Amino acid sequence: MIEWRAKSLGDPLLAEESLTLIQEVFRSEYERAGRPTDMAVFVRHESEGRLHCEAHAYFSPAAAHIARAVEAVPCRRPSPEGLGLLAGAPASWRALFPDRES
């Protein structure tokens, strides 16, 4: 089974450094892989019923190498609701979430 990976980045106000690192690592691996549309990283702020939210990065299966480098853990494919594309091509939405409403 091909799996997604996720990494909690903590408080969104303090996650900028982690997000920048993920983007930099992604950029070089993405170019090396030939810019595949199914290789992407998404981010979402999640509160899970708590007062404060956390930023979570979600790595598509094609970004597994990058995910392992930042110690992301296996997870289910995230719901596209509330996700933002952090790294990858805009076409990755269609490739990874074909059932998503536009």
PDB file of N, CA and C in Angstrom:
ATOM      1  N   MET A   1       0.836  -1.184   0.000  1.00  0.00           N
ATOM      2  CA  MET A   1       0.000   0.000   0.000  1.00  0.00           C
ATOM      3  C   MET A   1       0.883   1.250   0.000  1.00  0.00           C
ATOM      4  N   ILE A   2       0.563   2.172  -0.874  1.00  0.00           N
ATOM      5  CA  ILE A   2       1.295   3.436  -0.941  1.00  0.00           C
ATOM      6  C   ILE A   2       0.643   4.385   0.052  1.00  0.00           C
ATOM      7  N   GLU A   3       1.453   4.988   0.890  1.00  0.00           N
ATOM      8  CA  GLU A   3       0.875   5.812   1.954  1.00  0.00           C
ATOM      9  C   GLU A   3       1.356   7.257   1.927  1.00  0.00           C
ATOM     10  N   TRP A   4       0.512   8.073   2.469  1.00  0.00           N
ATOM     11  CA  TRP A   4       0.848   9.471   2.708  1.00  0.00           C
ATOM     12  C   TRP A   4       1.635   9.540   4.007  1.00  0.00           C
ATOM     13  N   ARG A   5       2.258  10.676   4.250  1.00  0.00           N
ATOM     14  CA  ARG A   5       2.964  10.911   5.506  1.00  0.00           C
ATOM     15  C   ARG A   5       2.602  12.294   6.013  1.00  0.00           C
ATOM     16  N   ALA A   6       2.653  12.457   7.338  1.00  0.00           N
ATOM     17  CA  ALA A   6       2.288  13.733   7.957  1.00  0.00           C
ATOM     18  C   ALA A   6       3.323  14.111   9.009  1.00  0.00           C
ATOM     19  N   LYS A   7       3.455  15.414   9.194  1.00  0.00           N
ATOM     20  CA  LYS A   7       4.364  15.935  10.228  1.00  0.00           C
ATOM     21  C   LYS A   7       3.676  17.112  10.896  1.00  0.00           C
ATOM     22  N   SER A   8       3.589  17.052  12.220  1.00  0.00           N
ATOM     23  CA  SER A   8       3.081  18.185  12.983  1.00  0.00           C
ATOM     24  C   SER A   8       4.213  19.198  13.112  1.00  0.00           C
ATOM     25  N   LEU A   9       3.882  20.456  12.792  1.00  0.00           N
ATOM     26  CA  LEU A   9       4.887  21.515  12.844  1.00  0.00           C
ATOM     27  C   LEU A   9       4.663  22.453  14.023  1.00  0.00           C
ATOM     28  N   GLY A  10       3.695  22.133  14.862  1.00  0.00           N
ATOM     29  CA  GLY A  10       3.431  22.947  16.041  1.00  0.00           C
ATOM     30  C   GLY A  10       2.653  24.214  15.712  1.00  0.00           C
ATOM     31  N   ASP A  11       2.835  25.211  16.535  1.00  0.00           N
ATOM     32  CA  ASP A  11       2.132  26.484  16.406  1.00  0.00           C
ATOM     33  C   ASP A  11       2.399  27.086  15.019  1.00  0.00           C
ATOM     34  N   PRO A  12       1.340  27.392  14.263  1.00  0.00           N
ATOM     35  CA  PRO A  12       1.544  27.960  12.923  1.00  0.00           C
ATOM     36  C   PRO A  12       2.374  29.245  12.922  1.00  0.00           C
ATOM     37  N   LEU A  13       2.302  30.015  13.996  1.00  0.00           N
ATOM     38  CA  LEU A  13       3.072  31.254  14.060  1.00  0.00           C
ATOM     39  C   LEU A  13       4.572  31.004  14.186  1.00  0.00           C
ATOM     40  N   LEU A  14       4.937  29.795  14.624  1.00  0.00           N
ATOM     41  CA  LEU A  14       6.341  29.452  14.820  1.00  0.00           C
ATOM     42  C   LEU A  14       6.844  28.422  13.804  1.00  0.00           C
ATOM     43  N   ALA A  15       6.005  28.073  12.839  1.00  0.00           N
ATOM     44  CA  ALA A  15       6.338  26.996  11.903  1.00  0.00           C
ATOM     45  C   ALA A  15       7.056  27.467  10.644  1.00  0.00           C
ATOM     46  N   GLU A  16       7.268  28.745  10.494  1.00  0.00           N
ATOM     47  CA  GLU A  16       7.853  29.281   9.252  1.00  0.00           C
ATOM     48  C   GLU A  16       9.204  28.642   8.901  1.00  0.00           C
ATOM     49  N   GLU A  17      10.053  28.458   9.874  1.00  0.00           N
ATOM     50  CA  GLU A  17      11.369  27.864   9.616  1.00  0.00           C
ATOM     51  C   GLU A  17      11.228  26.426   9.101  1.00  0.00           C
ATOM     52  N   SER A  18      10.350  25.660   9.716  1.00  0.00           N
ATOM     53  CA  SER A  18      10.126  24.281   9.274  1.00  0.00           C
ATOM     54  C   SER A  18       9.537  24.239   7.872  1.00  0.00           C
ATOM     55  N   LEU A  19       8.589  25.128   7.592  1.00  0.00           N
ATOM     56  CA  LEU A  19       7.970  25.183   6.268  1.00  0.00           C
ATOM     57  C   LEU A  19       8.996  25.552   5.196  1.00  0.00           C
ATOM     58  N   THR A  20       9.864  26.495   5.507  1.00  0.00           N
ATOM     59  CA  THR A  20      10.913  26.904   4.567  1.00  0.00           C
ATOM     60  C   THR A  20      11.871  25.751   4.287  1.00  0.00           C
ATOM     61  N   LEU A  21      12.251  25.020   5.327  1.00  0.00           N
ATOM     62  CA  LEU A  21      13.146  23.870   5.153  1.00  0.00           C
ATOM     63  C   LEU A  21      12.494  22.813   4.263  1.00  0.00           C
ATOM     64  N   ILE A  22      11.229  22.515   4.504  1.00  0.00           N
ATOM     65  CA  ILE A  22      10.515  21.529   3.691  1.00  0.00           C
ATOM     66  C   ILE A  22      10.488  21.979   2.231  1.00  0.00           C
ATOM     67  N   GLN A  23      10.199  23.251   1.990  1.00  0.00           N
ATOM     68  CA  GLN A  23      10.158  23.770   0.622  1.00  0.00           C
ATOM     69  C   GLN A  23      11.518  23.650  -0.067  1.00  0.00           C
ATOM     70  N   GLU A  24      12.587  23.947   0.650  1.00  0.00           N
ATOM     71  CA  GLU A  24      13.931  23.873   0.065  1.00  0.00           C
ATOM     72  C   GLU A  24      14.309  22.442  -0.288  1.00  0.00           C
ATOM     73  N   VAL A  25      14.057  21.513   0.637  1.00  0.00           N
ATOM     74  CA  VAL A  25      14.369  20.108   0.369  1.00  0.00           C
ATOM     75  C   VAL A  25      13.500  19.605  -0.781  1.00  0.00           C
ATOM     76  N   PHE A  26      12.238  19.972  -0.751  1.00  0.00           N
ATOM     77  CA  PHE A  26      11.320  19.548  -1.801  1.00  0.00           C
ATOM     78  C   PHE A  26      11.782  20.035  -3.175  1.00  0.00           C
ATOM     79  N   ARG A  27      12.137  21.292  -3.264  1.00  0.00           N
ATOM     80  CA  ARG A  27      12.506  21.892  -4.548  1.00  0.00           C
ATOM     81  C   ARG A  27      13.595  21.091  -5.256  1.00  0.00           C
ATOM     82  N   SER A  28      14.653  20.739  -4.544  1.00  0.00           N
ATOM     83  CA  SER A  28      15.744  20.004  -5.196  1.00  0.00           C
ATOM     84  C   SER A  28      15.316  18.583  -5.582  1.00  0.00           C
ATOM     85  N   GLU A  29      14.573  17.902  -4.727  1.00  0.00           N
ATOM     86  CA  GLU A  29      14.118  16.541  -5.031  1.00  0.00           C
ATOM     87  C   GLU A  29      13.091  16.545  -6.164  1.00  0.00           C
ATOM     88  N   TYR A  30      12.245  17.558  -6.192  1.00  0.00           N
ATOM     89  CA  TYR A  30      11.216  17.702  -7.213  1.00  0.00           C
ATOM     90  C   TYR A  30      11.857  17.866  -8.593  1.00  0.00           C
ATOM     91  N   GLU A  31      12.849  18.711  -8.682  1.00  0.00           N
ATOM     92  CA  GLU A  31      13.560  18.912  -9.950  1.00  0.00           C
ATOM     93  C   GLU A  31      14.275  17.630 -10.370  1.00  0.00           C
ATOM     94  N   ARG A  32      14.930  16.985  -9.421  1.00  0.00           N
ATOM     95  CA  ARG A  32      15.661  15.746  -9.708  1.00  0.00           C
ATOM     96  C   ARG A  32      14.723  14.651 -10.217  1.00  0.00           C
ATOM     97  N   ALA A  33      13.478  14.630  -9.714  1.00  0.00           N
ATOM     98  CA  ALA A  33      12.501  13.612 -10.107  1.00  0.00           C
ATOM     99  C   ALA A  33      11.788  13.948 -11.415  1.00  0.00           C
ATOM    100  N   GLY A  34      12.053  15.116 -11.981  1.00  0.00           N
ATOM    101  CA  GLY A  34      11.420  15.495 -13.236  1.00  0.00           C
ATOM    102  C   GLY A  34      10.088  16.209 -13.075  1.00  0.00           C
ATOM    103  N   ARG A  35       9.858  16.808 -11.914  1.00  0.00           N
ATOM    104  CA  ARG A  35       8.664  17.610 -11.621  1.00  0.00           C
ATOM    105  C   ARG A  35       7.351  16.834 -11.780  1.00  0.00           C
ATOM    106  N   PRO A  36       7.229  15.671 -11.151  1.00  0.00           N
ATOM    107  CA  PRO A  36       6.000  14.883 -11.308  1.00  0.00           C
ATOM    108  C   PRO A  36       4.788  15.567 -10.650  1.00  0.00           C
ATOM    109  N   THR A  37       3.634  15.444 -11.290  1.00  0.00           N
ATOM    110  CA  THR A  37       2.436  16.105 -10.753  1.00  0.00           C
ATOM    111  C   THR A  37       1.911  15.436  -9.489  1.00  0.00           C
ATOM    112  N   ASP A  38       2.317  14.196  -9.230  1.00  0.00           N
ATOM    113  CA  ASP A  38       1.826  13.533  -8.022  1.00  0.00           C
ATOM    114  C   ASP A  38       2.773  13.713  -6.827  1.00  0.00           C
ATOM    115  N   MET A  39       3.750  14.580  -6.968  1.00  0.00           N
ATOM    116  CA  MET A  39       4.699  14.857  -5.882  1.00  0.00           C
ATOM    117  C   MET A  39       4.377  16.242  -5.320  1.00  0.00           C
ATOM    118  N   ALA A  40       3.900  16.269  -4.062  1.00  0.00           N
ATOM    119  CA  ALA A  40       3.480  17.540  -3.476  1.00  0.00           C
ATOM    120  C   ALA A  40       3.489  17.466  -1.953  1.00  0.00           C
ATOM    121  N   VAL A  41       3.505  18.649  -1.363  1.00  0.00           N
ATOM    122  CA  VAL A  41       3.359  18.783   0.084  1.00  0.00           C
ATOM    123  C   VAL A  41       2.248  19.805   0.313  1.00  0.00           C
ATOM    124  N   PHE A  42       1.327  19.427   1.179  1.00  0.00           N
ATOM    125  CA  PHE A  42       0.210  20.292   1.526  1.00  0.00           C
ATOM    126  C   PHE A  42       0.311  20.657   3.001  1.00  0.00           C
ATOM    127  N   VAL A  43      -0.347  21.731   3.380  1.00  0.00           N
ATOM    128  CA  VAL A  43      -0.331  22.148   4.776  1.00  0.00           C
ATOM    129  C   VAL A  43      -1.741  22.555   5.196  1.00  0.00           C
ATOM    130  N   ARG A  44      -2.033  22.317   6.459  1.00  0.00           N
ATOM    131  CA  ARG A  44      -3.331  22.696   7.008  1.00  0.00           C
ATOM    132  C   ARG A  44      -3.157  23.033   8.486  1.00  0.00           C
ATOM    133  N   HIS A  45      -3.915  24.001   8.954  1.00  0.00           N
ATOM    134  CA  HIS A  45      -3.960  24.319  10.378  1.00  0.00           C
ATOM    135  C   HIS A  45      -5.117  23.533  10.973  1.00  0.00           C
ATOM    136  N   GLU A  46      -4.830  22.775  12.025  1.00  0.00           N
ATOM    137  CA  GLU A  46      -5.827  21.902  12.642  1.00  0.00           C
ATOM    138  C   GLU A  46      -5.880  22.146  14.135  1.00  0.00           C
ATOM    139  N   SER A  47      -7.113  22.186  14.659  1.00  0.00           N
ATOM    140  CA  SER A  47      -7.252  22.415  16.100  1.00  0.00           C
ATOM    141  C   SER A  47      -7.690  21.166  16.842  1.00  0.00           C
ATOM    142  N   GLU A  48      -8.379  20.250  16.163  1.00  0.00           N
ATOM    143  CA  GLU A  48      -8.845  19.012  16.780  1.00  0.00           C
ATOM    144  C   GLU A  48      -9.527  19.271  18.116  1.00  0.00           C
ATOM    145  N   GLY A  49     -10.326  20.331  18.186  1.00  0.00           N
ATOM    146  CA  GLY A  49     -11.091  20.638  19.383  1.00  0.00           C
ATOM    147  C   GLY A  49     -10.327  21.379  20.463  1.00  0.00           C
ATOM    148  N   ARG A  50      -9.064  21.661  20.235  1.00  0.00           N
ATOM    149  CA  ARG A  50      -8.266  22.374  21.226  1.00  0.00           C
ATOM    150  C   ARG A  50      -8.377  23.878  20.994  1.00  0.00           C
ATOM    151  N   LEU A  51      -7.962  24.644  21.972  1.00  0.00           N
ATOM    152  CA  LEU A  51      -8.003  26.095  21.872  1.00  0.00           C
ATOM    153  C   LEU A  51      -7.047  26.603  20.787  1.00  0.00           C
ATOM    154  N   HIS A  52      -5.838  26.042  20.734  1.00  0.00           N
ATOM    155  CA  HIS A  52      -4.831  26.490  19.774  1.00  0.00           C
ATOM    156  C   HIS A  52      -4.680  25.459  18.658  1.00  0.00           C
ATOM    157  N   CYS A  53      -4.411  25.938  17.462  1.00  0.00           N
ATOM    158  CA  CYS A  53      -4.243  25.014  16.341  1.00  0.00           C
ATOM    159  C   CYS A  53      -2.768  24.700  16.122  1.00  0.00           C
ATOM    160  N   GLU A  54      -2.541  23.667  15.331  1.00  0.00           N
ATOM    161  CA  GLU A  54      -1.196  23.260  14.944  1.00  0.00           C
ATOM    162  C   GLU A  54      -1.137  23.202  13.430  1.00  0.00           C
ATOM    163  N   ALA A  55       0.011  23.483  12.873  1.00  0.00           N
ATOM    164  CA  ALA A  55       0.226  23.321  11.440  1.00  0.00           C
ATOM    165  C   ALA A  55       0.665  21.878  11.194  1.00  0.00           C
ATOM    166  N   HIS A  56       0.088  21.274  10.173  1.00  0.00           N
ATOM    167  CA  HIS A  56       0.448  19.914   9.784  1.00  0.00           C
ATOM    168  C   HIS A  56       0.826  19.924   8.314  1.00  0.00           C
ATOM    169  N   ALA A  57       1.930  19.276   7.990  1.00  0.00           N
ATOM    170  CA  ALA A  57       2.354  19.113   6.601  1.00  0.00           C
ATOM    171  C   ALA A  57       2.010  17.691   6.180  1.00  0.00           C
ATOM    172  N   TYR A  58       1.454  17.556   4.978  1.00  0.00           N
ATOM    173  CA  TYR A  58       1.081  16.254   4.420  1.00  0.00           C
ATOM    174  C   TYR A  58       1.872  16.030   3.137  1.00  0.00           C
ATOM    175  N   PHE A  59       2.569  14.910   3.088  1.00  0.00           N
ATOM    176  CA  PHE A  59       3.444  14.564   1.976  1.00  0.00           C
ATOM    177  C   PHE A  59       2.784  13.475   1.136  1.00  0.00           C
ATOM    178  N   SER A  60       2.654  13.729  -0.161  1.00  0.00           N
ATOM    179  CA  SER A  60       2.069  12.719  -1.047  1.00  0.00           C
ATOM    180  C   SER A  60       3.014  11.512  -1.108  1.00  0.00           C
ATOM    181  N   PRO A  61       2.493  10.360  -1.536  1.00  0.00           N
ATOM    182  CA  PRO A  61       3.355   9.171  -1.627  1.00  0.00           C
ATOM    183  C   PRO A  61       4.614   9.391  -2.459  1.00  0.00           C
ATOM    184  N   ALA A  62       4.533  10.179  -3.520  1.00  0.00           N
ATOM    185  CA  ALA A  62       5.709  10.434  -4.357  1.00  0.00           C
ATOM    186  C   ALA A  62       6.751  11.308  -3.656  1.00  0.00           C
ATOM    187  N   ALA A  63       6.369  11.930  -2.554  1.00  0.00           N
ATOM    188  CA  ALA A  63       7.285  12.764  -1.777  1.00  0.00           C
ATOM    189  C   ALA A  63       7.786  12.026  -0.530  1.00  0.00           C
ATOM    190  N   ALA A  64       7.689  10.703  -0.546  1.00  0.00           N
ATOM    191  CA  ALA A  64       8.058   9.898   0.628  1.00  0.00           C
ATOM    192  C   ALA A  64       9.502  10.111   1.071  1.00  0.00           C
ATOM    193  N   HIS A  65      10.409  10.258   0.124  1.00  0.00           N
ATOM    194  CA  HIS A  65      11.824  10.459   0.463  1.00  0.00           C
ATOM    195  C   HIS A  65      11.997  11.736   1.293  1.00  0.00           C
ATOM    196  N   ILE A  66      11.321  12.777   0.895  1.00  0.00           N
ATOM    197  CA  ILE A  66      11.377  14.054   1.619  1.00  0.00           C
ATOM    198  C   ILE A  66      10.720  13.900   2.985  1.00  0.00           C
ATOM    199  N   ALA A  67       9.591  13.207   3.008  1.00  0.00           N
ATOM    200  CA  ALA A  67       8.868  13.005   4.260  1.00  0.00           C
ATOM    201  C   ALA A  67       9.730  12.273   5.293  1.00  0.00           C
ATOM    202  N   ARG A  68      10.414  11.245   4.833  1.00  0.00           N
ATOM    203  CA  ARG A  68      11.285  10.502   5.758  1.00  0.00           C
ATOM    204  C   ARG A  68      12.426  11.380   6.258  1.00  0.00           C
ATOM    205  N   ALA A  69      12.932  12.270   5.411  1.00  0.00           N
ATOM    206  CA  ALA A  69      14.036  13.155   5.802  1.00  0.00           C
ATOM    207  C   ALA A  69      13.640  14.110   6.925  1.00  0.00           C
ATOM    208  N   VAL A  70      12.362  14.451   7.002  1.00  0.00           N
ATOM    209  CA  VAL A  70      11.900  15.359   8.064  1.00  0.00           C
ATOM    210  C   VAL A  70      11.127  14.605   9.155  1.00  0.00           C
ATOM    211  N   GLU A  71      11.242  13.266   9.122  1.00  0.00           N
ATOM    212  CA  GLU A  71      10.644  12.393  10.133  1.00  0.00           C
ATOM    213  C   GLU A  71       9.122  12.476  10.192  1.00  0.00           C
ATOM    214  N   ALA A  72       8.498  12.590   9.018  1.00  0.00           N
ATOM    215  CA  ALA A  72       7.041  12.535   8.951  1.00  0.00           C
ATOM    216  C   ALA A  72       6.608  11.081   9.138  1.00  0.00           C
ATOM    217  N   VAL A  73       5.433  10.895   9.679  1.00  0.00           N
ATOM    218  CA  VAL A  73       4.932   9.553   9.982  1.00  0.00           C
ATOM    219  C   VAL A  73       3.826   9.161   9.008  1.00  0.00           C
ATOM    220  N   PRO A  74       3.657   7.853   8.790  1.00  0.00           N
ATOM    221  CA  PRO A  74       2.599   7.402   7.886  1.00  0.00           C
ATOM    222  C   PRO A  74       1.219   7.859   8.368  1.00  0.00           C
ATOM    223  N   CYS A  75       0.357   8.141   7.400  1.00  0.00           N
ATOM    224  CA  CYS A  75      -1.013   8.547   7.710  1.00  0.00           C
ATOM    225  C   CYS A  75      -1.904   8.206   6.518  1.00  0.00           C
ATOM    226  N   ARG A  76      -3.182   8.375   6.700  1.00  0.00           N
ATOM    227  CA  ARG A  76      -4.133   8.217   5.598  1.00  0.00           C
ATOM    228  C   ARG A  76      -4.071   9.450   4.712  1.00  0.00           C
ATOM    229  N   ARG A  77      -4.570   9.300   3.493  1.00  0.00           N
ATOM    230  CA  ARG A  77      -4.662  10.462   2.614  1.00  0.00           C
ATOM    231  C   ARG A  77      -5.541  11.505   3.305  1.00  0.00           C
ATOM    232  N   PRO A  78      -5.059  12.744   3.423  1.00  0.00           N
ATOM    233  CA  PRO A  78      -5.854  13.766   4.103  1.00  0.00           C
ATOM    234  C   PRO A  78      -7.053  14.193   3.258  1.00  0.00           C
ATOM    235  N   SER A  79      -8.045  14.696   3.925  1.00  0.00           N
ATOM    236  CA  SER A  79      -9.164  15.302   3.223  1.00  0.00           C
ATOM    237  C   SER A  79      -8.637  16.583   2.574  1.00  0.00           C
ATOM    238  N   PRO A  80      -9.064  16.904   1.375  1.00  0.00           N
ATOM    239  CA  PRO A  80      -8.575  18.130   0.743  1.00  0.00           C
ATOM    240  C   PRO A  80      -9.147  19.406   1.376  1.00  0.00           C
ATOM    241  N   GLU A  81     -10.170  19.252   2.191  1.00  0.00           N
ATOM    242  CA  GLU A  81     -10.800  20.414   2.816  1.00  0.00           C
ATOM    243  C   GLU A  81      -9.819  21.154   3.723  1.00  0.00           C
ATOM    244  N   GLY A  82      -9.606  22.420   3.440  1.00  0.00           N
ATOM    245  CA  GLY A  82      -8.738  23.256   4.254  1.00  0.00           C
ATOM    246  C   GLY A  82      -7.257  23.121   3.957  1.00  0.00           C
ATOM    247  N   LEU A  83      -6.888  22.257   3.020  1.00  0.00           N
ATOM    248  CA  LEU A  83      -5.474  22.103   2.674  1.00  0.00           C
ATOM    249  C   LEU A  83      -5.010  23.258   1.796  1.00  0.00           C
ATOM    250  N   GLY A  84      -3.738  23.582   1.942  1.00  0.00           N
ATOM    251  CA  GLY A  84      -3.089  24.538   1.053  1.00  0.00           C
ATOM    252  C   GLY A  84      -1.877  23.865   0.455  1.00  0.00           C
ATOM    253  N   LEU A  85      -1.605  24.141  -0.795  1.00  0.00           N
ATOM    254  CA  LEU A  85      -0.436  23.566  -1.465  1.00  0.00           C
ATOM    255  C   LEU A  85       0.806  24.315  -1.015  1.00  0.00           C
ATOM    256  N   LEU A  86       1.708  23.621  -0.353  1.00  0.00           N
ATOM    257  CA  LEU A  86       2.959  24.218   0.106  1.00  0.00           C
ATOM    258  C   LEU A  86       4.038  24.105  -0.962  1.00  0.00           C
ATOM    259  N   ALA A  87       4.119  22.942  -1.603  1.00  0.00           N
ATOM    260  CA  ALA A  87       5.162  22.701  -2.600  1.00  0.00           C
ATOM    261  C   ALA A  87       4.652  21.702  -3.624  1.00  0.00           C
ATOM    262  N   GLY A  88       4.976  21.967  -4.874  1.00  0.00           N
ATOM    263  CA  GLY A  88       4.527  21.112  -5.965  1.00  0.00           C
ATOM    264  C   GLY A  88       3.766  21.932  -6.986  1.00  0.00           C
ATOM    265  N   ALA A  89       3.335  21.278  -8.039  1.00  0.00           N
ATOM    266  CA  ALA A  89       2.612  21.947  -9.119  1.00  0.00           C
ATOM    267  C   ALA A  89       1.130  22.074  -8.792  1.00  0.00           C
ATOM    268  N   PRO A  90       0.482  23.142  -9.244  1.00  0.00           N
ATOM    269  CA  PRO A  90      -0.967  23.260  -9.050  1.00  0.00           C
ATOM    270  C   PRO A  90      -1.730  22.047  -9.593  1.00  0.00           C
ATOM    271  N   ALA A  91      -1.191  21.400 -10.629  1.00  0.00           N
ATOM    272  CA  ALA A  91      -1.838  20.212 -11.198  1.00  0.00           C
ATOM    273  C   ALA A  91      -1.849  19.037 -10.221  1.00  0.00           C
ATOM    274  N   SER A  92      -1.075  19.129  -9.139  1.00  0.00           N
ATOM    275  CA  SER A  92      -1.055  18.038  -8.160  1.00  0.00           C
ATOM    276  C   SER A  92      -2.416  17.881  -7.475  1.00  0.00           C
ATOM    277  N   TRP A  93      -3.189  18.960  -7.393  1.00  0.00           N
ATOM    278  CA  TRP A  93      -4.540  18.842  -6.819  1.00  0.00           C
ATOM    279  C   TRP A  93      -5.342  17.798  -7.593  1.00  0.00           C
ATOM    280  N   ARG A  94      -5.348  17.933  -8.901  1.00  0.00           N
ATOM    281  CA  ARG A  94      -6.116  17.033  -9.763  1.00  0.00           C
ATOM    282  C   ARG A  94      -5.550  15.614  -9.712  1.00  0.00           C
ATOM    283  N   ALA A  95      -4.220  15.517  -9.670  1.00  0.00           N
ATOM    284  CA  ALA A  95      -3.574  14.203  -9.654  1.00  0.00           C
ATOM    285  C   ALA A  95      -3.800  13.458  -8.344  1.00  0.00           C
ATOM    286  N   LEU A  96      -3.807  14.179  -7.241  1.00  0.00           N
ATOM    287  CA  LEU A  96      -3.872  13.527  -5.921  1.00  0.00           C
ATOM    288  C   LEU A  96      -5.265  13.513  -5.296  1.00  0.00           C
ATOM    289  N   PHE A  97      -6.121  14.427  -5.737  1.00  0.00           N
ATOM    290  CA  PHE A  97      -7.481  14.495  -5.210  1.00  0.00           C
ATOM    291  C   PHE A  97      -8.470  14.588  -6.384  1.00  0.00           C
ATOM    292  N   PRO A  98      -8.545  13.535  -7.208  1.00  0.00           N
ATOM    293  CA  PRO A  98      -9.389  13.594  -8.399  1.00  0.00           C
ATOM    294  C   PRO A  98     -10.874  13.767  -8.085  1.00  0.00           C
ATOM    295  N   ASP A  99     -11.300  13.396  -6.889  1.00  0.00           N
ATOM    296  CA  ASP A  99     -12.699  13.515  -6.503  1.00  0.00           C
ATOM    297  C   ASP A  99     -13.027  14.857  -5.859  1.00  0.00           C
ATOM    298  N   ARG A 100     -12.022  15.728  -5.762  1.00  0.00           N
ATOM    299  CA  ARG A 100     -12.194  17.056  -5.135  1.00  0.00           C
ATOM    300  C   ARG A 100     -13.038  17.948  -6.030  1.00  0.00           C
ATOM    301  N   GLU A 101     -13.958  18.660  -5.402  1.00  0.00           N
ATOM    302  CA  GLU A 101     -14.740  19.643  -6.137  1.00  0.00           C
ATOM    303  C   GLU A 101     -13.886  20.880  -6.361  1.00  0.00           C
ATOM    304  N   SER A 102     -14.016  21.492  -7.512  1.00  0.00           N
ATOM    305  CA  SER A 102     -13.226  22.688  -7.840  1.00  0.00           C
ATOM    306  C   SER A 102     -13.659  23.879  -7.055  1.00  0.00           C
TER     307      SER A 102
END
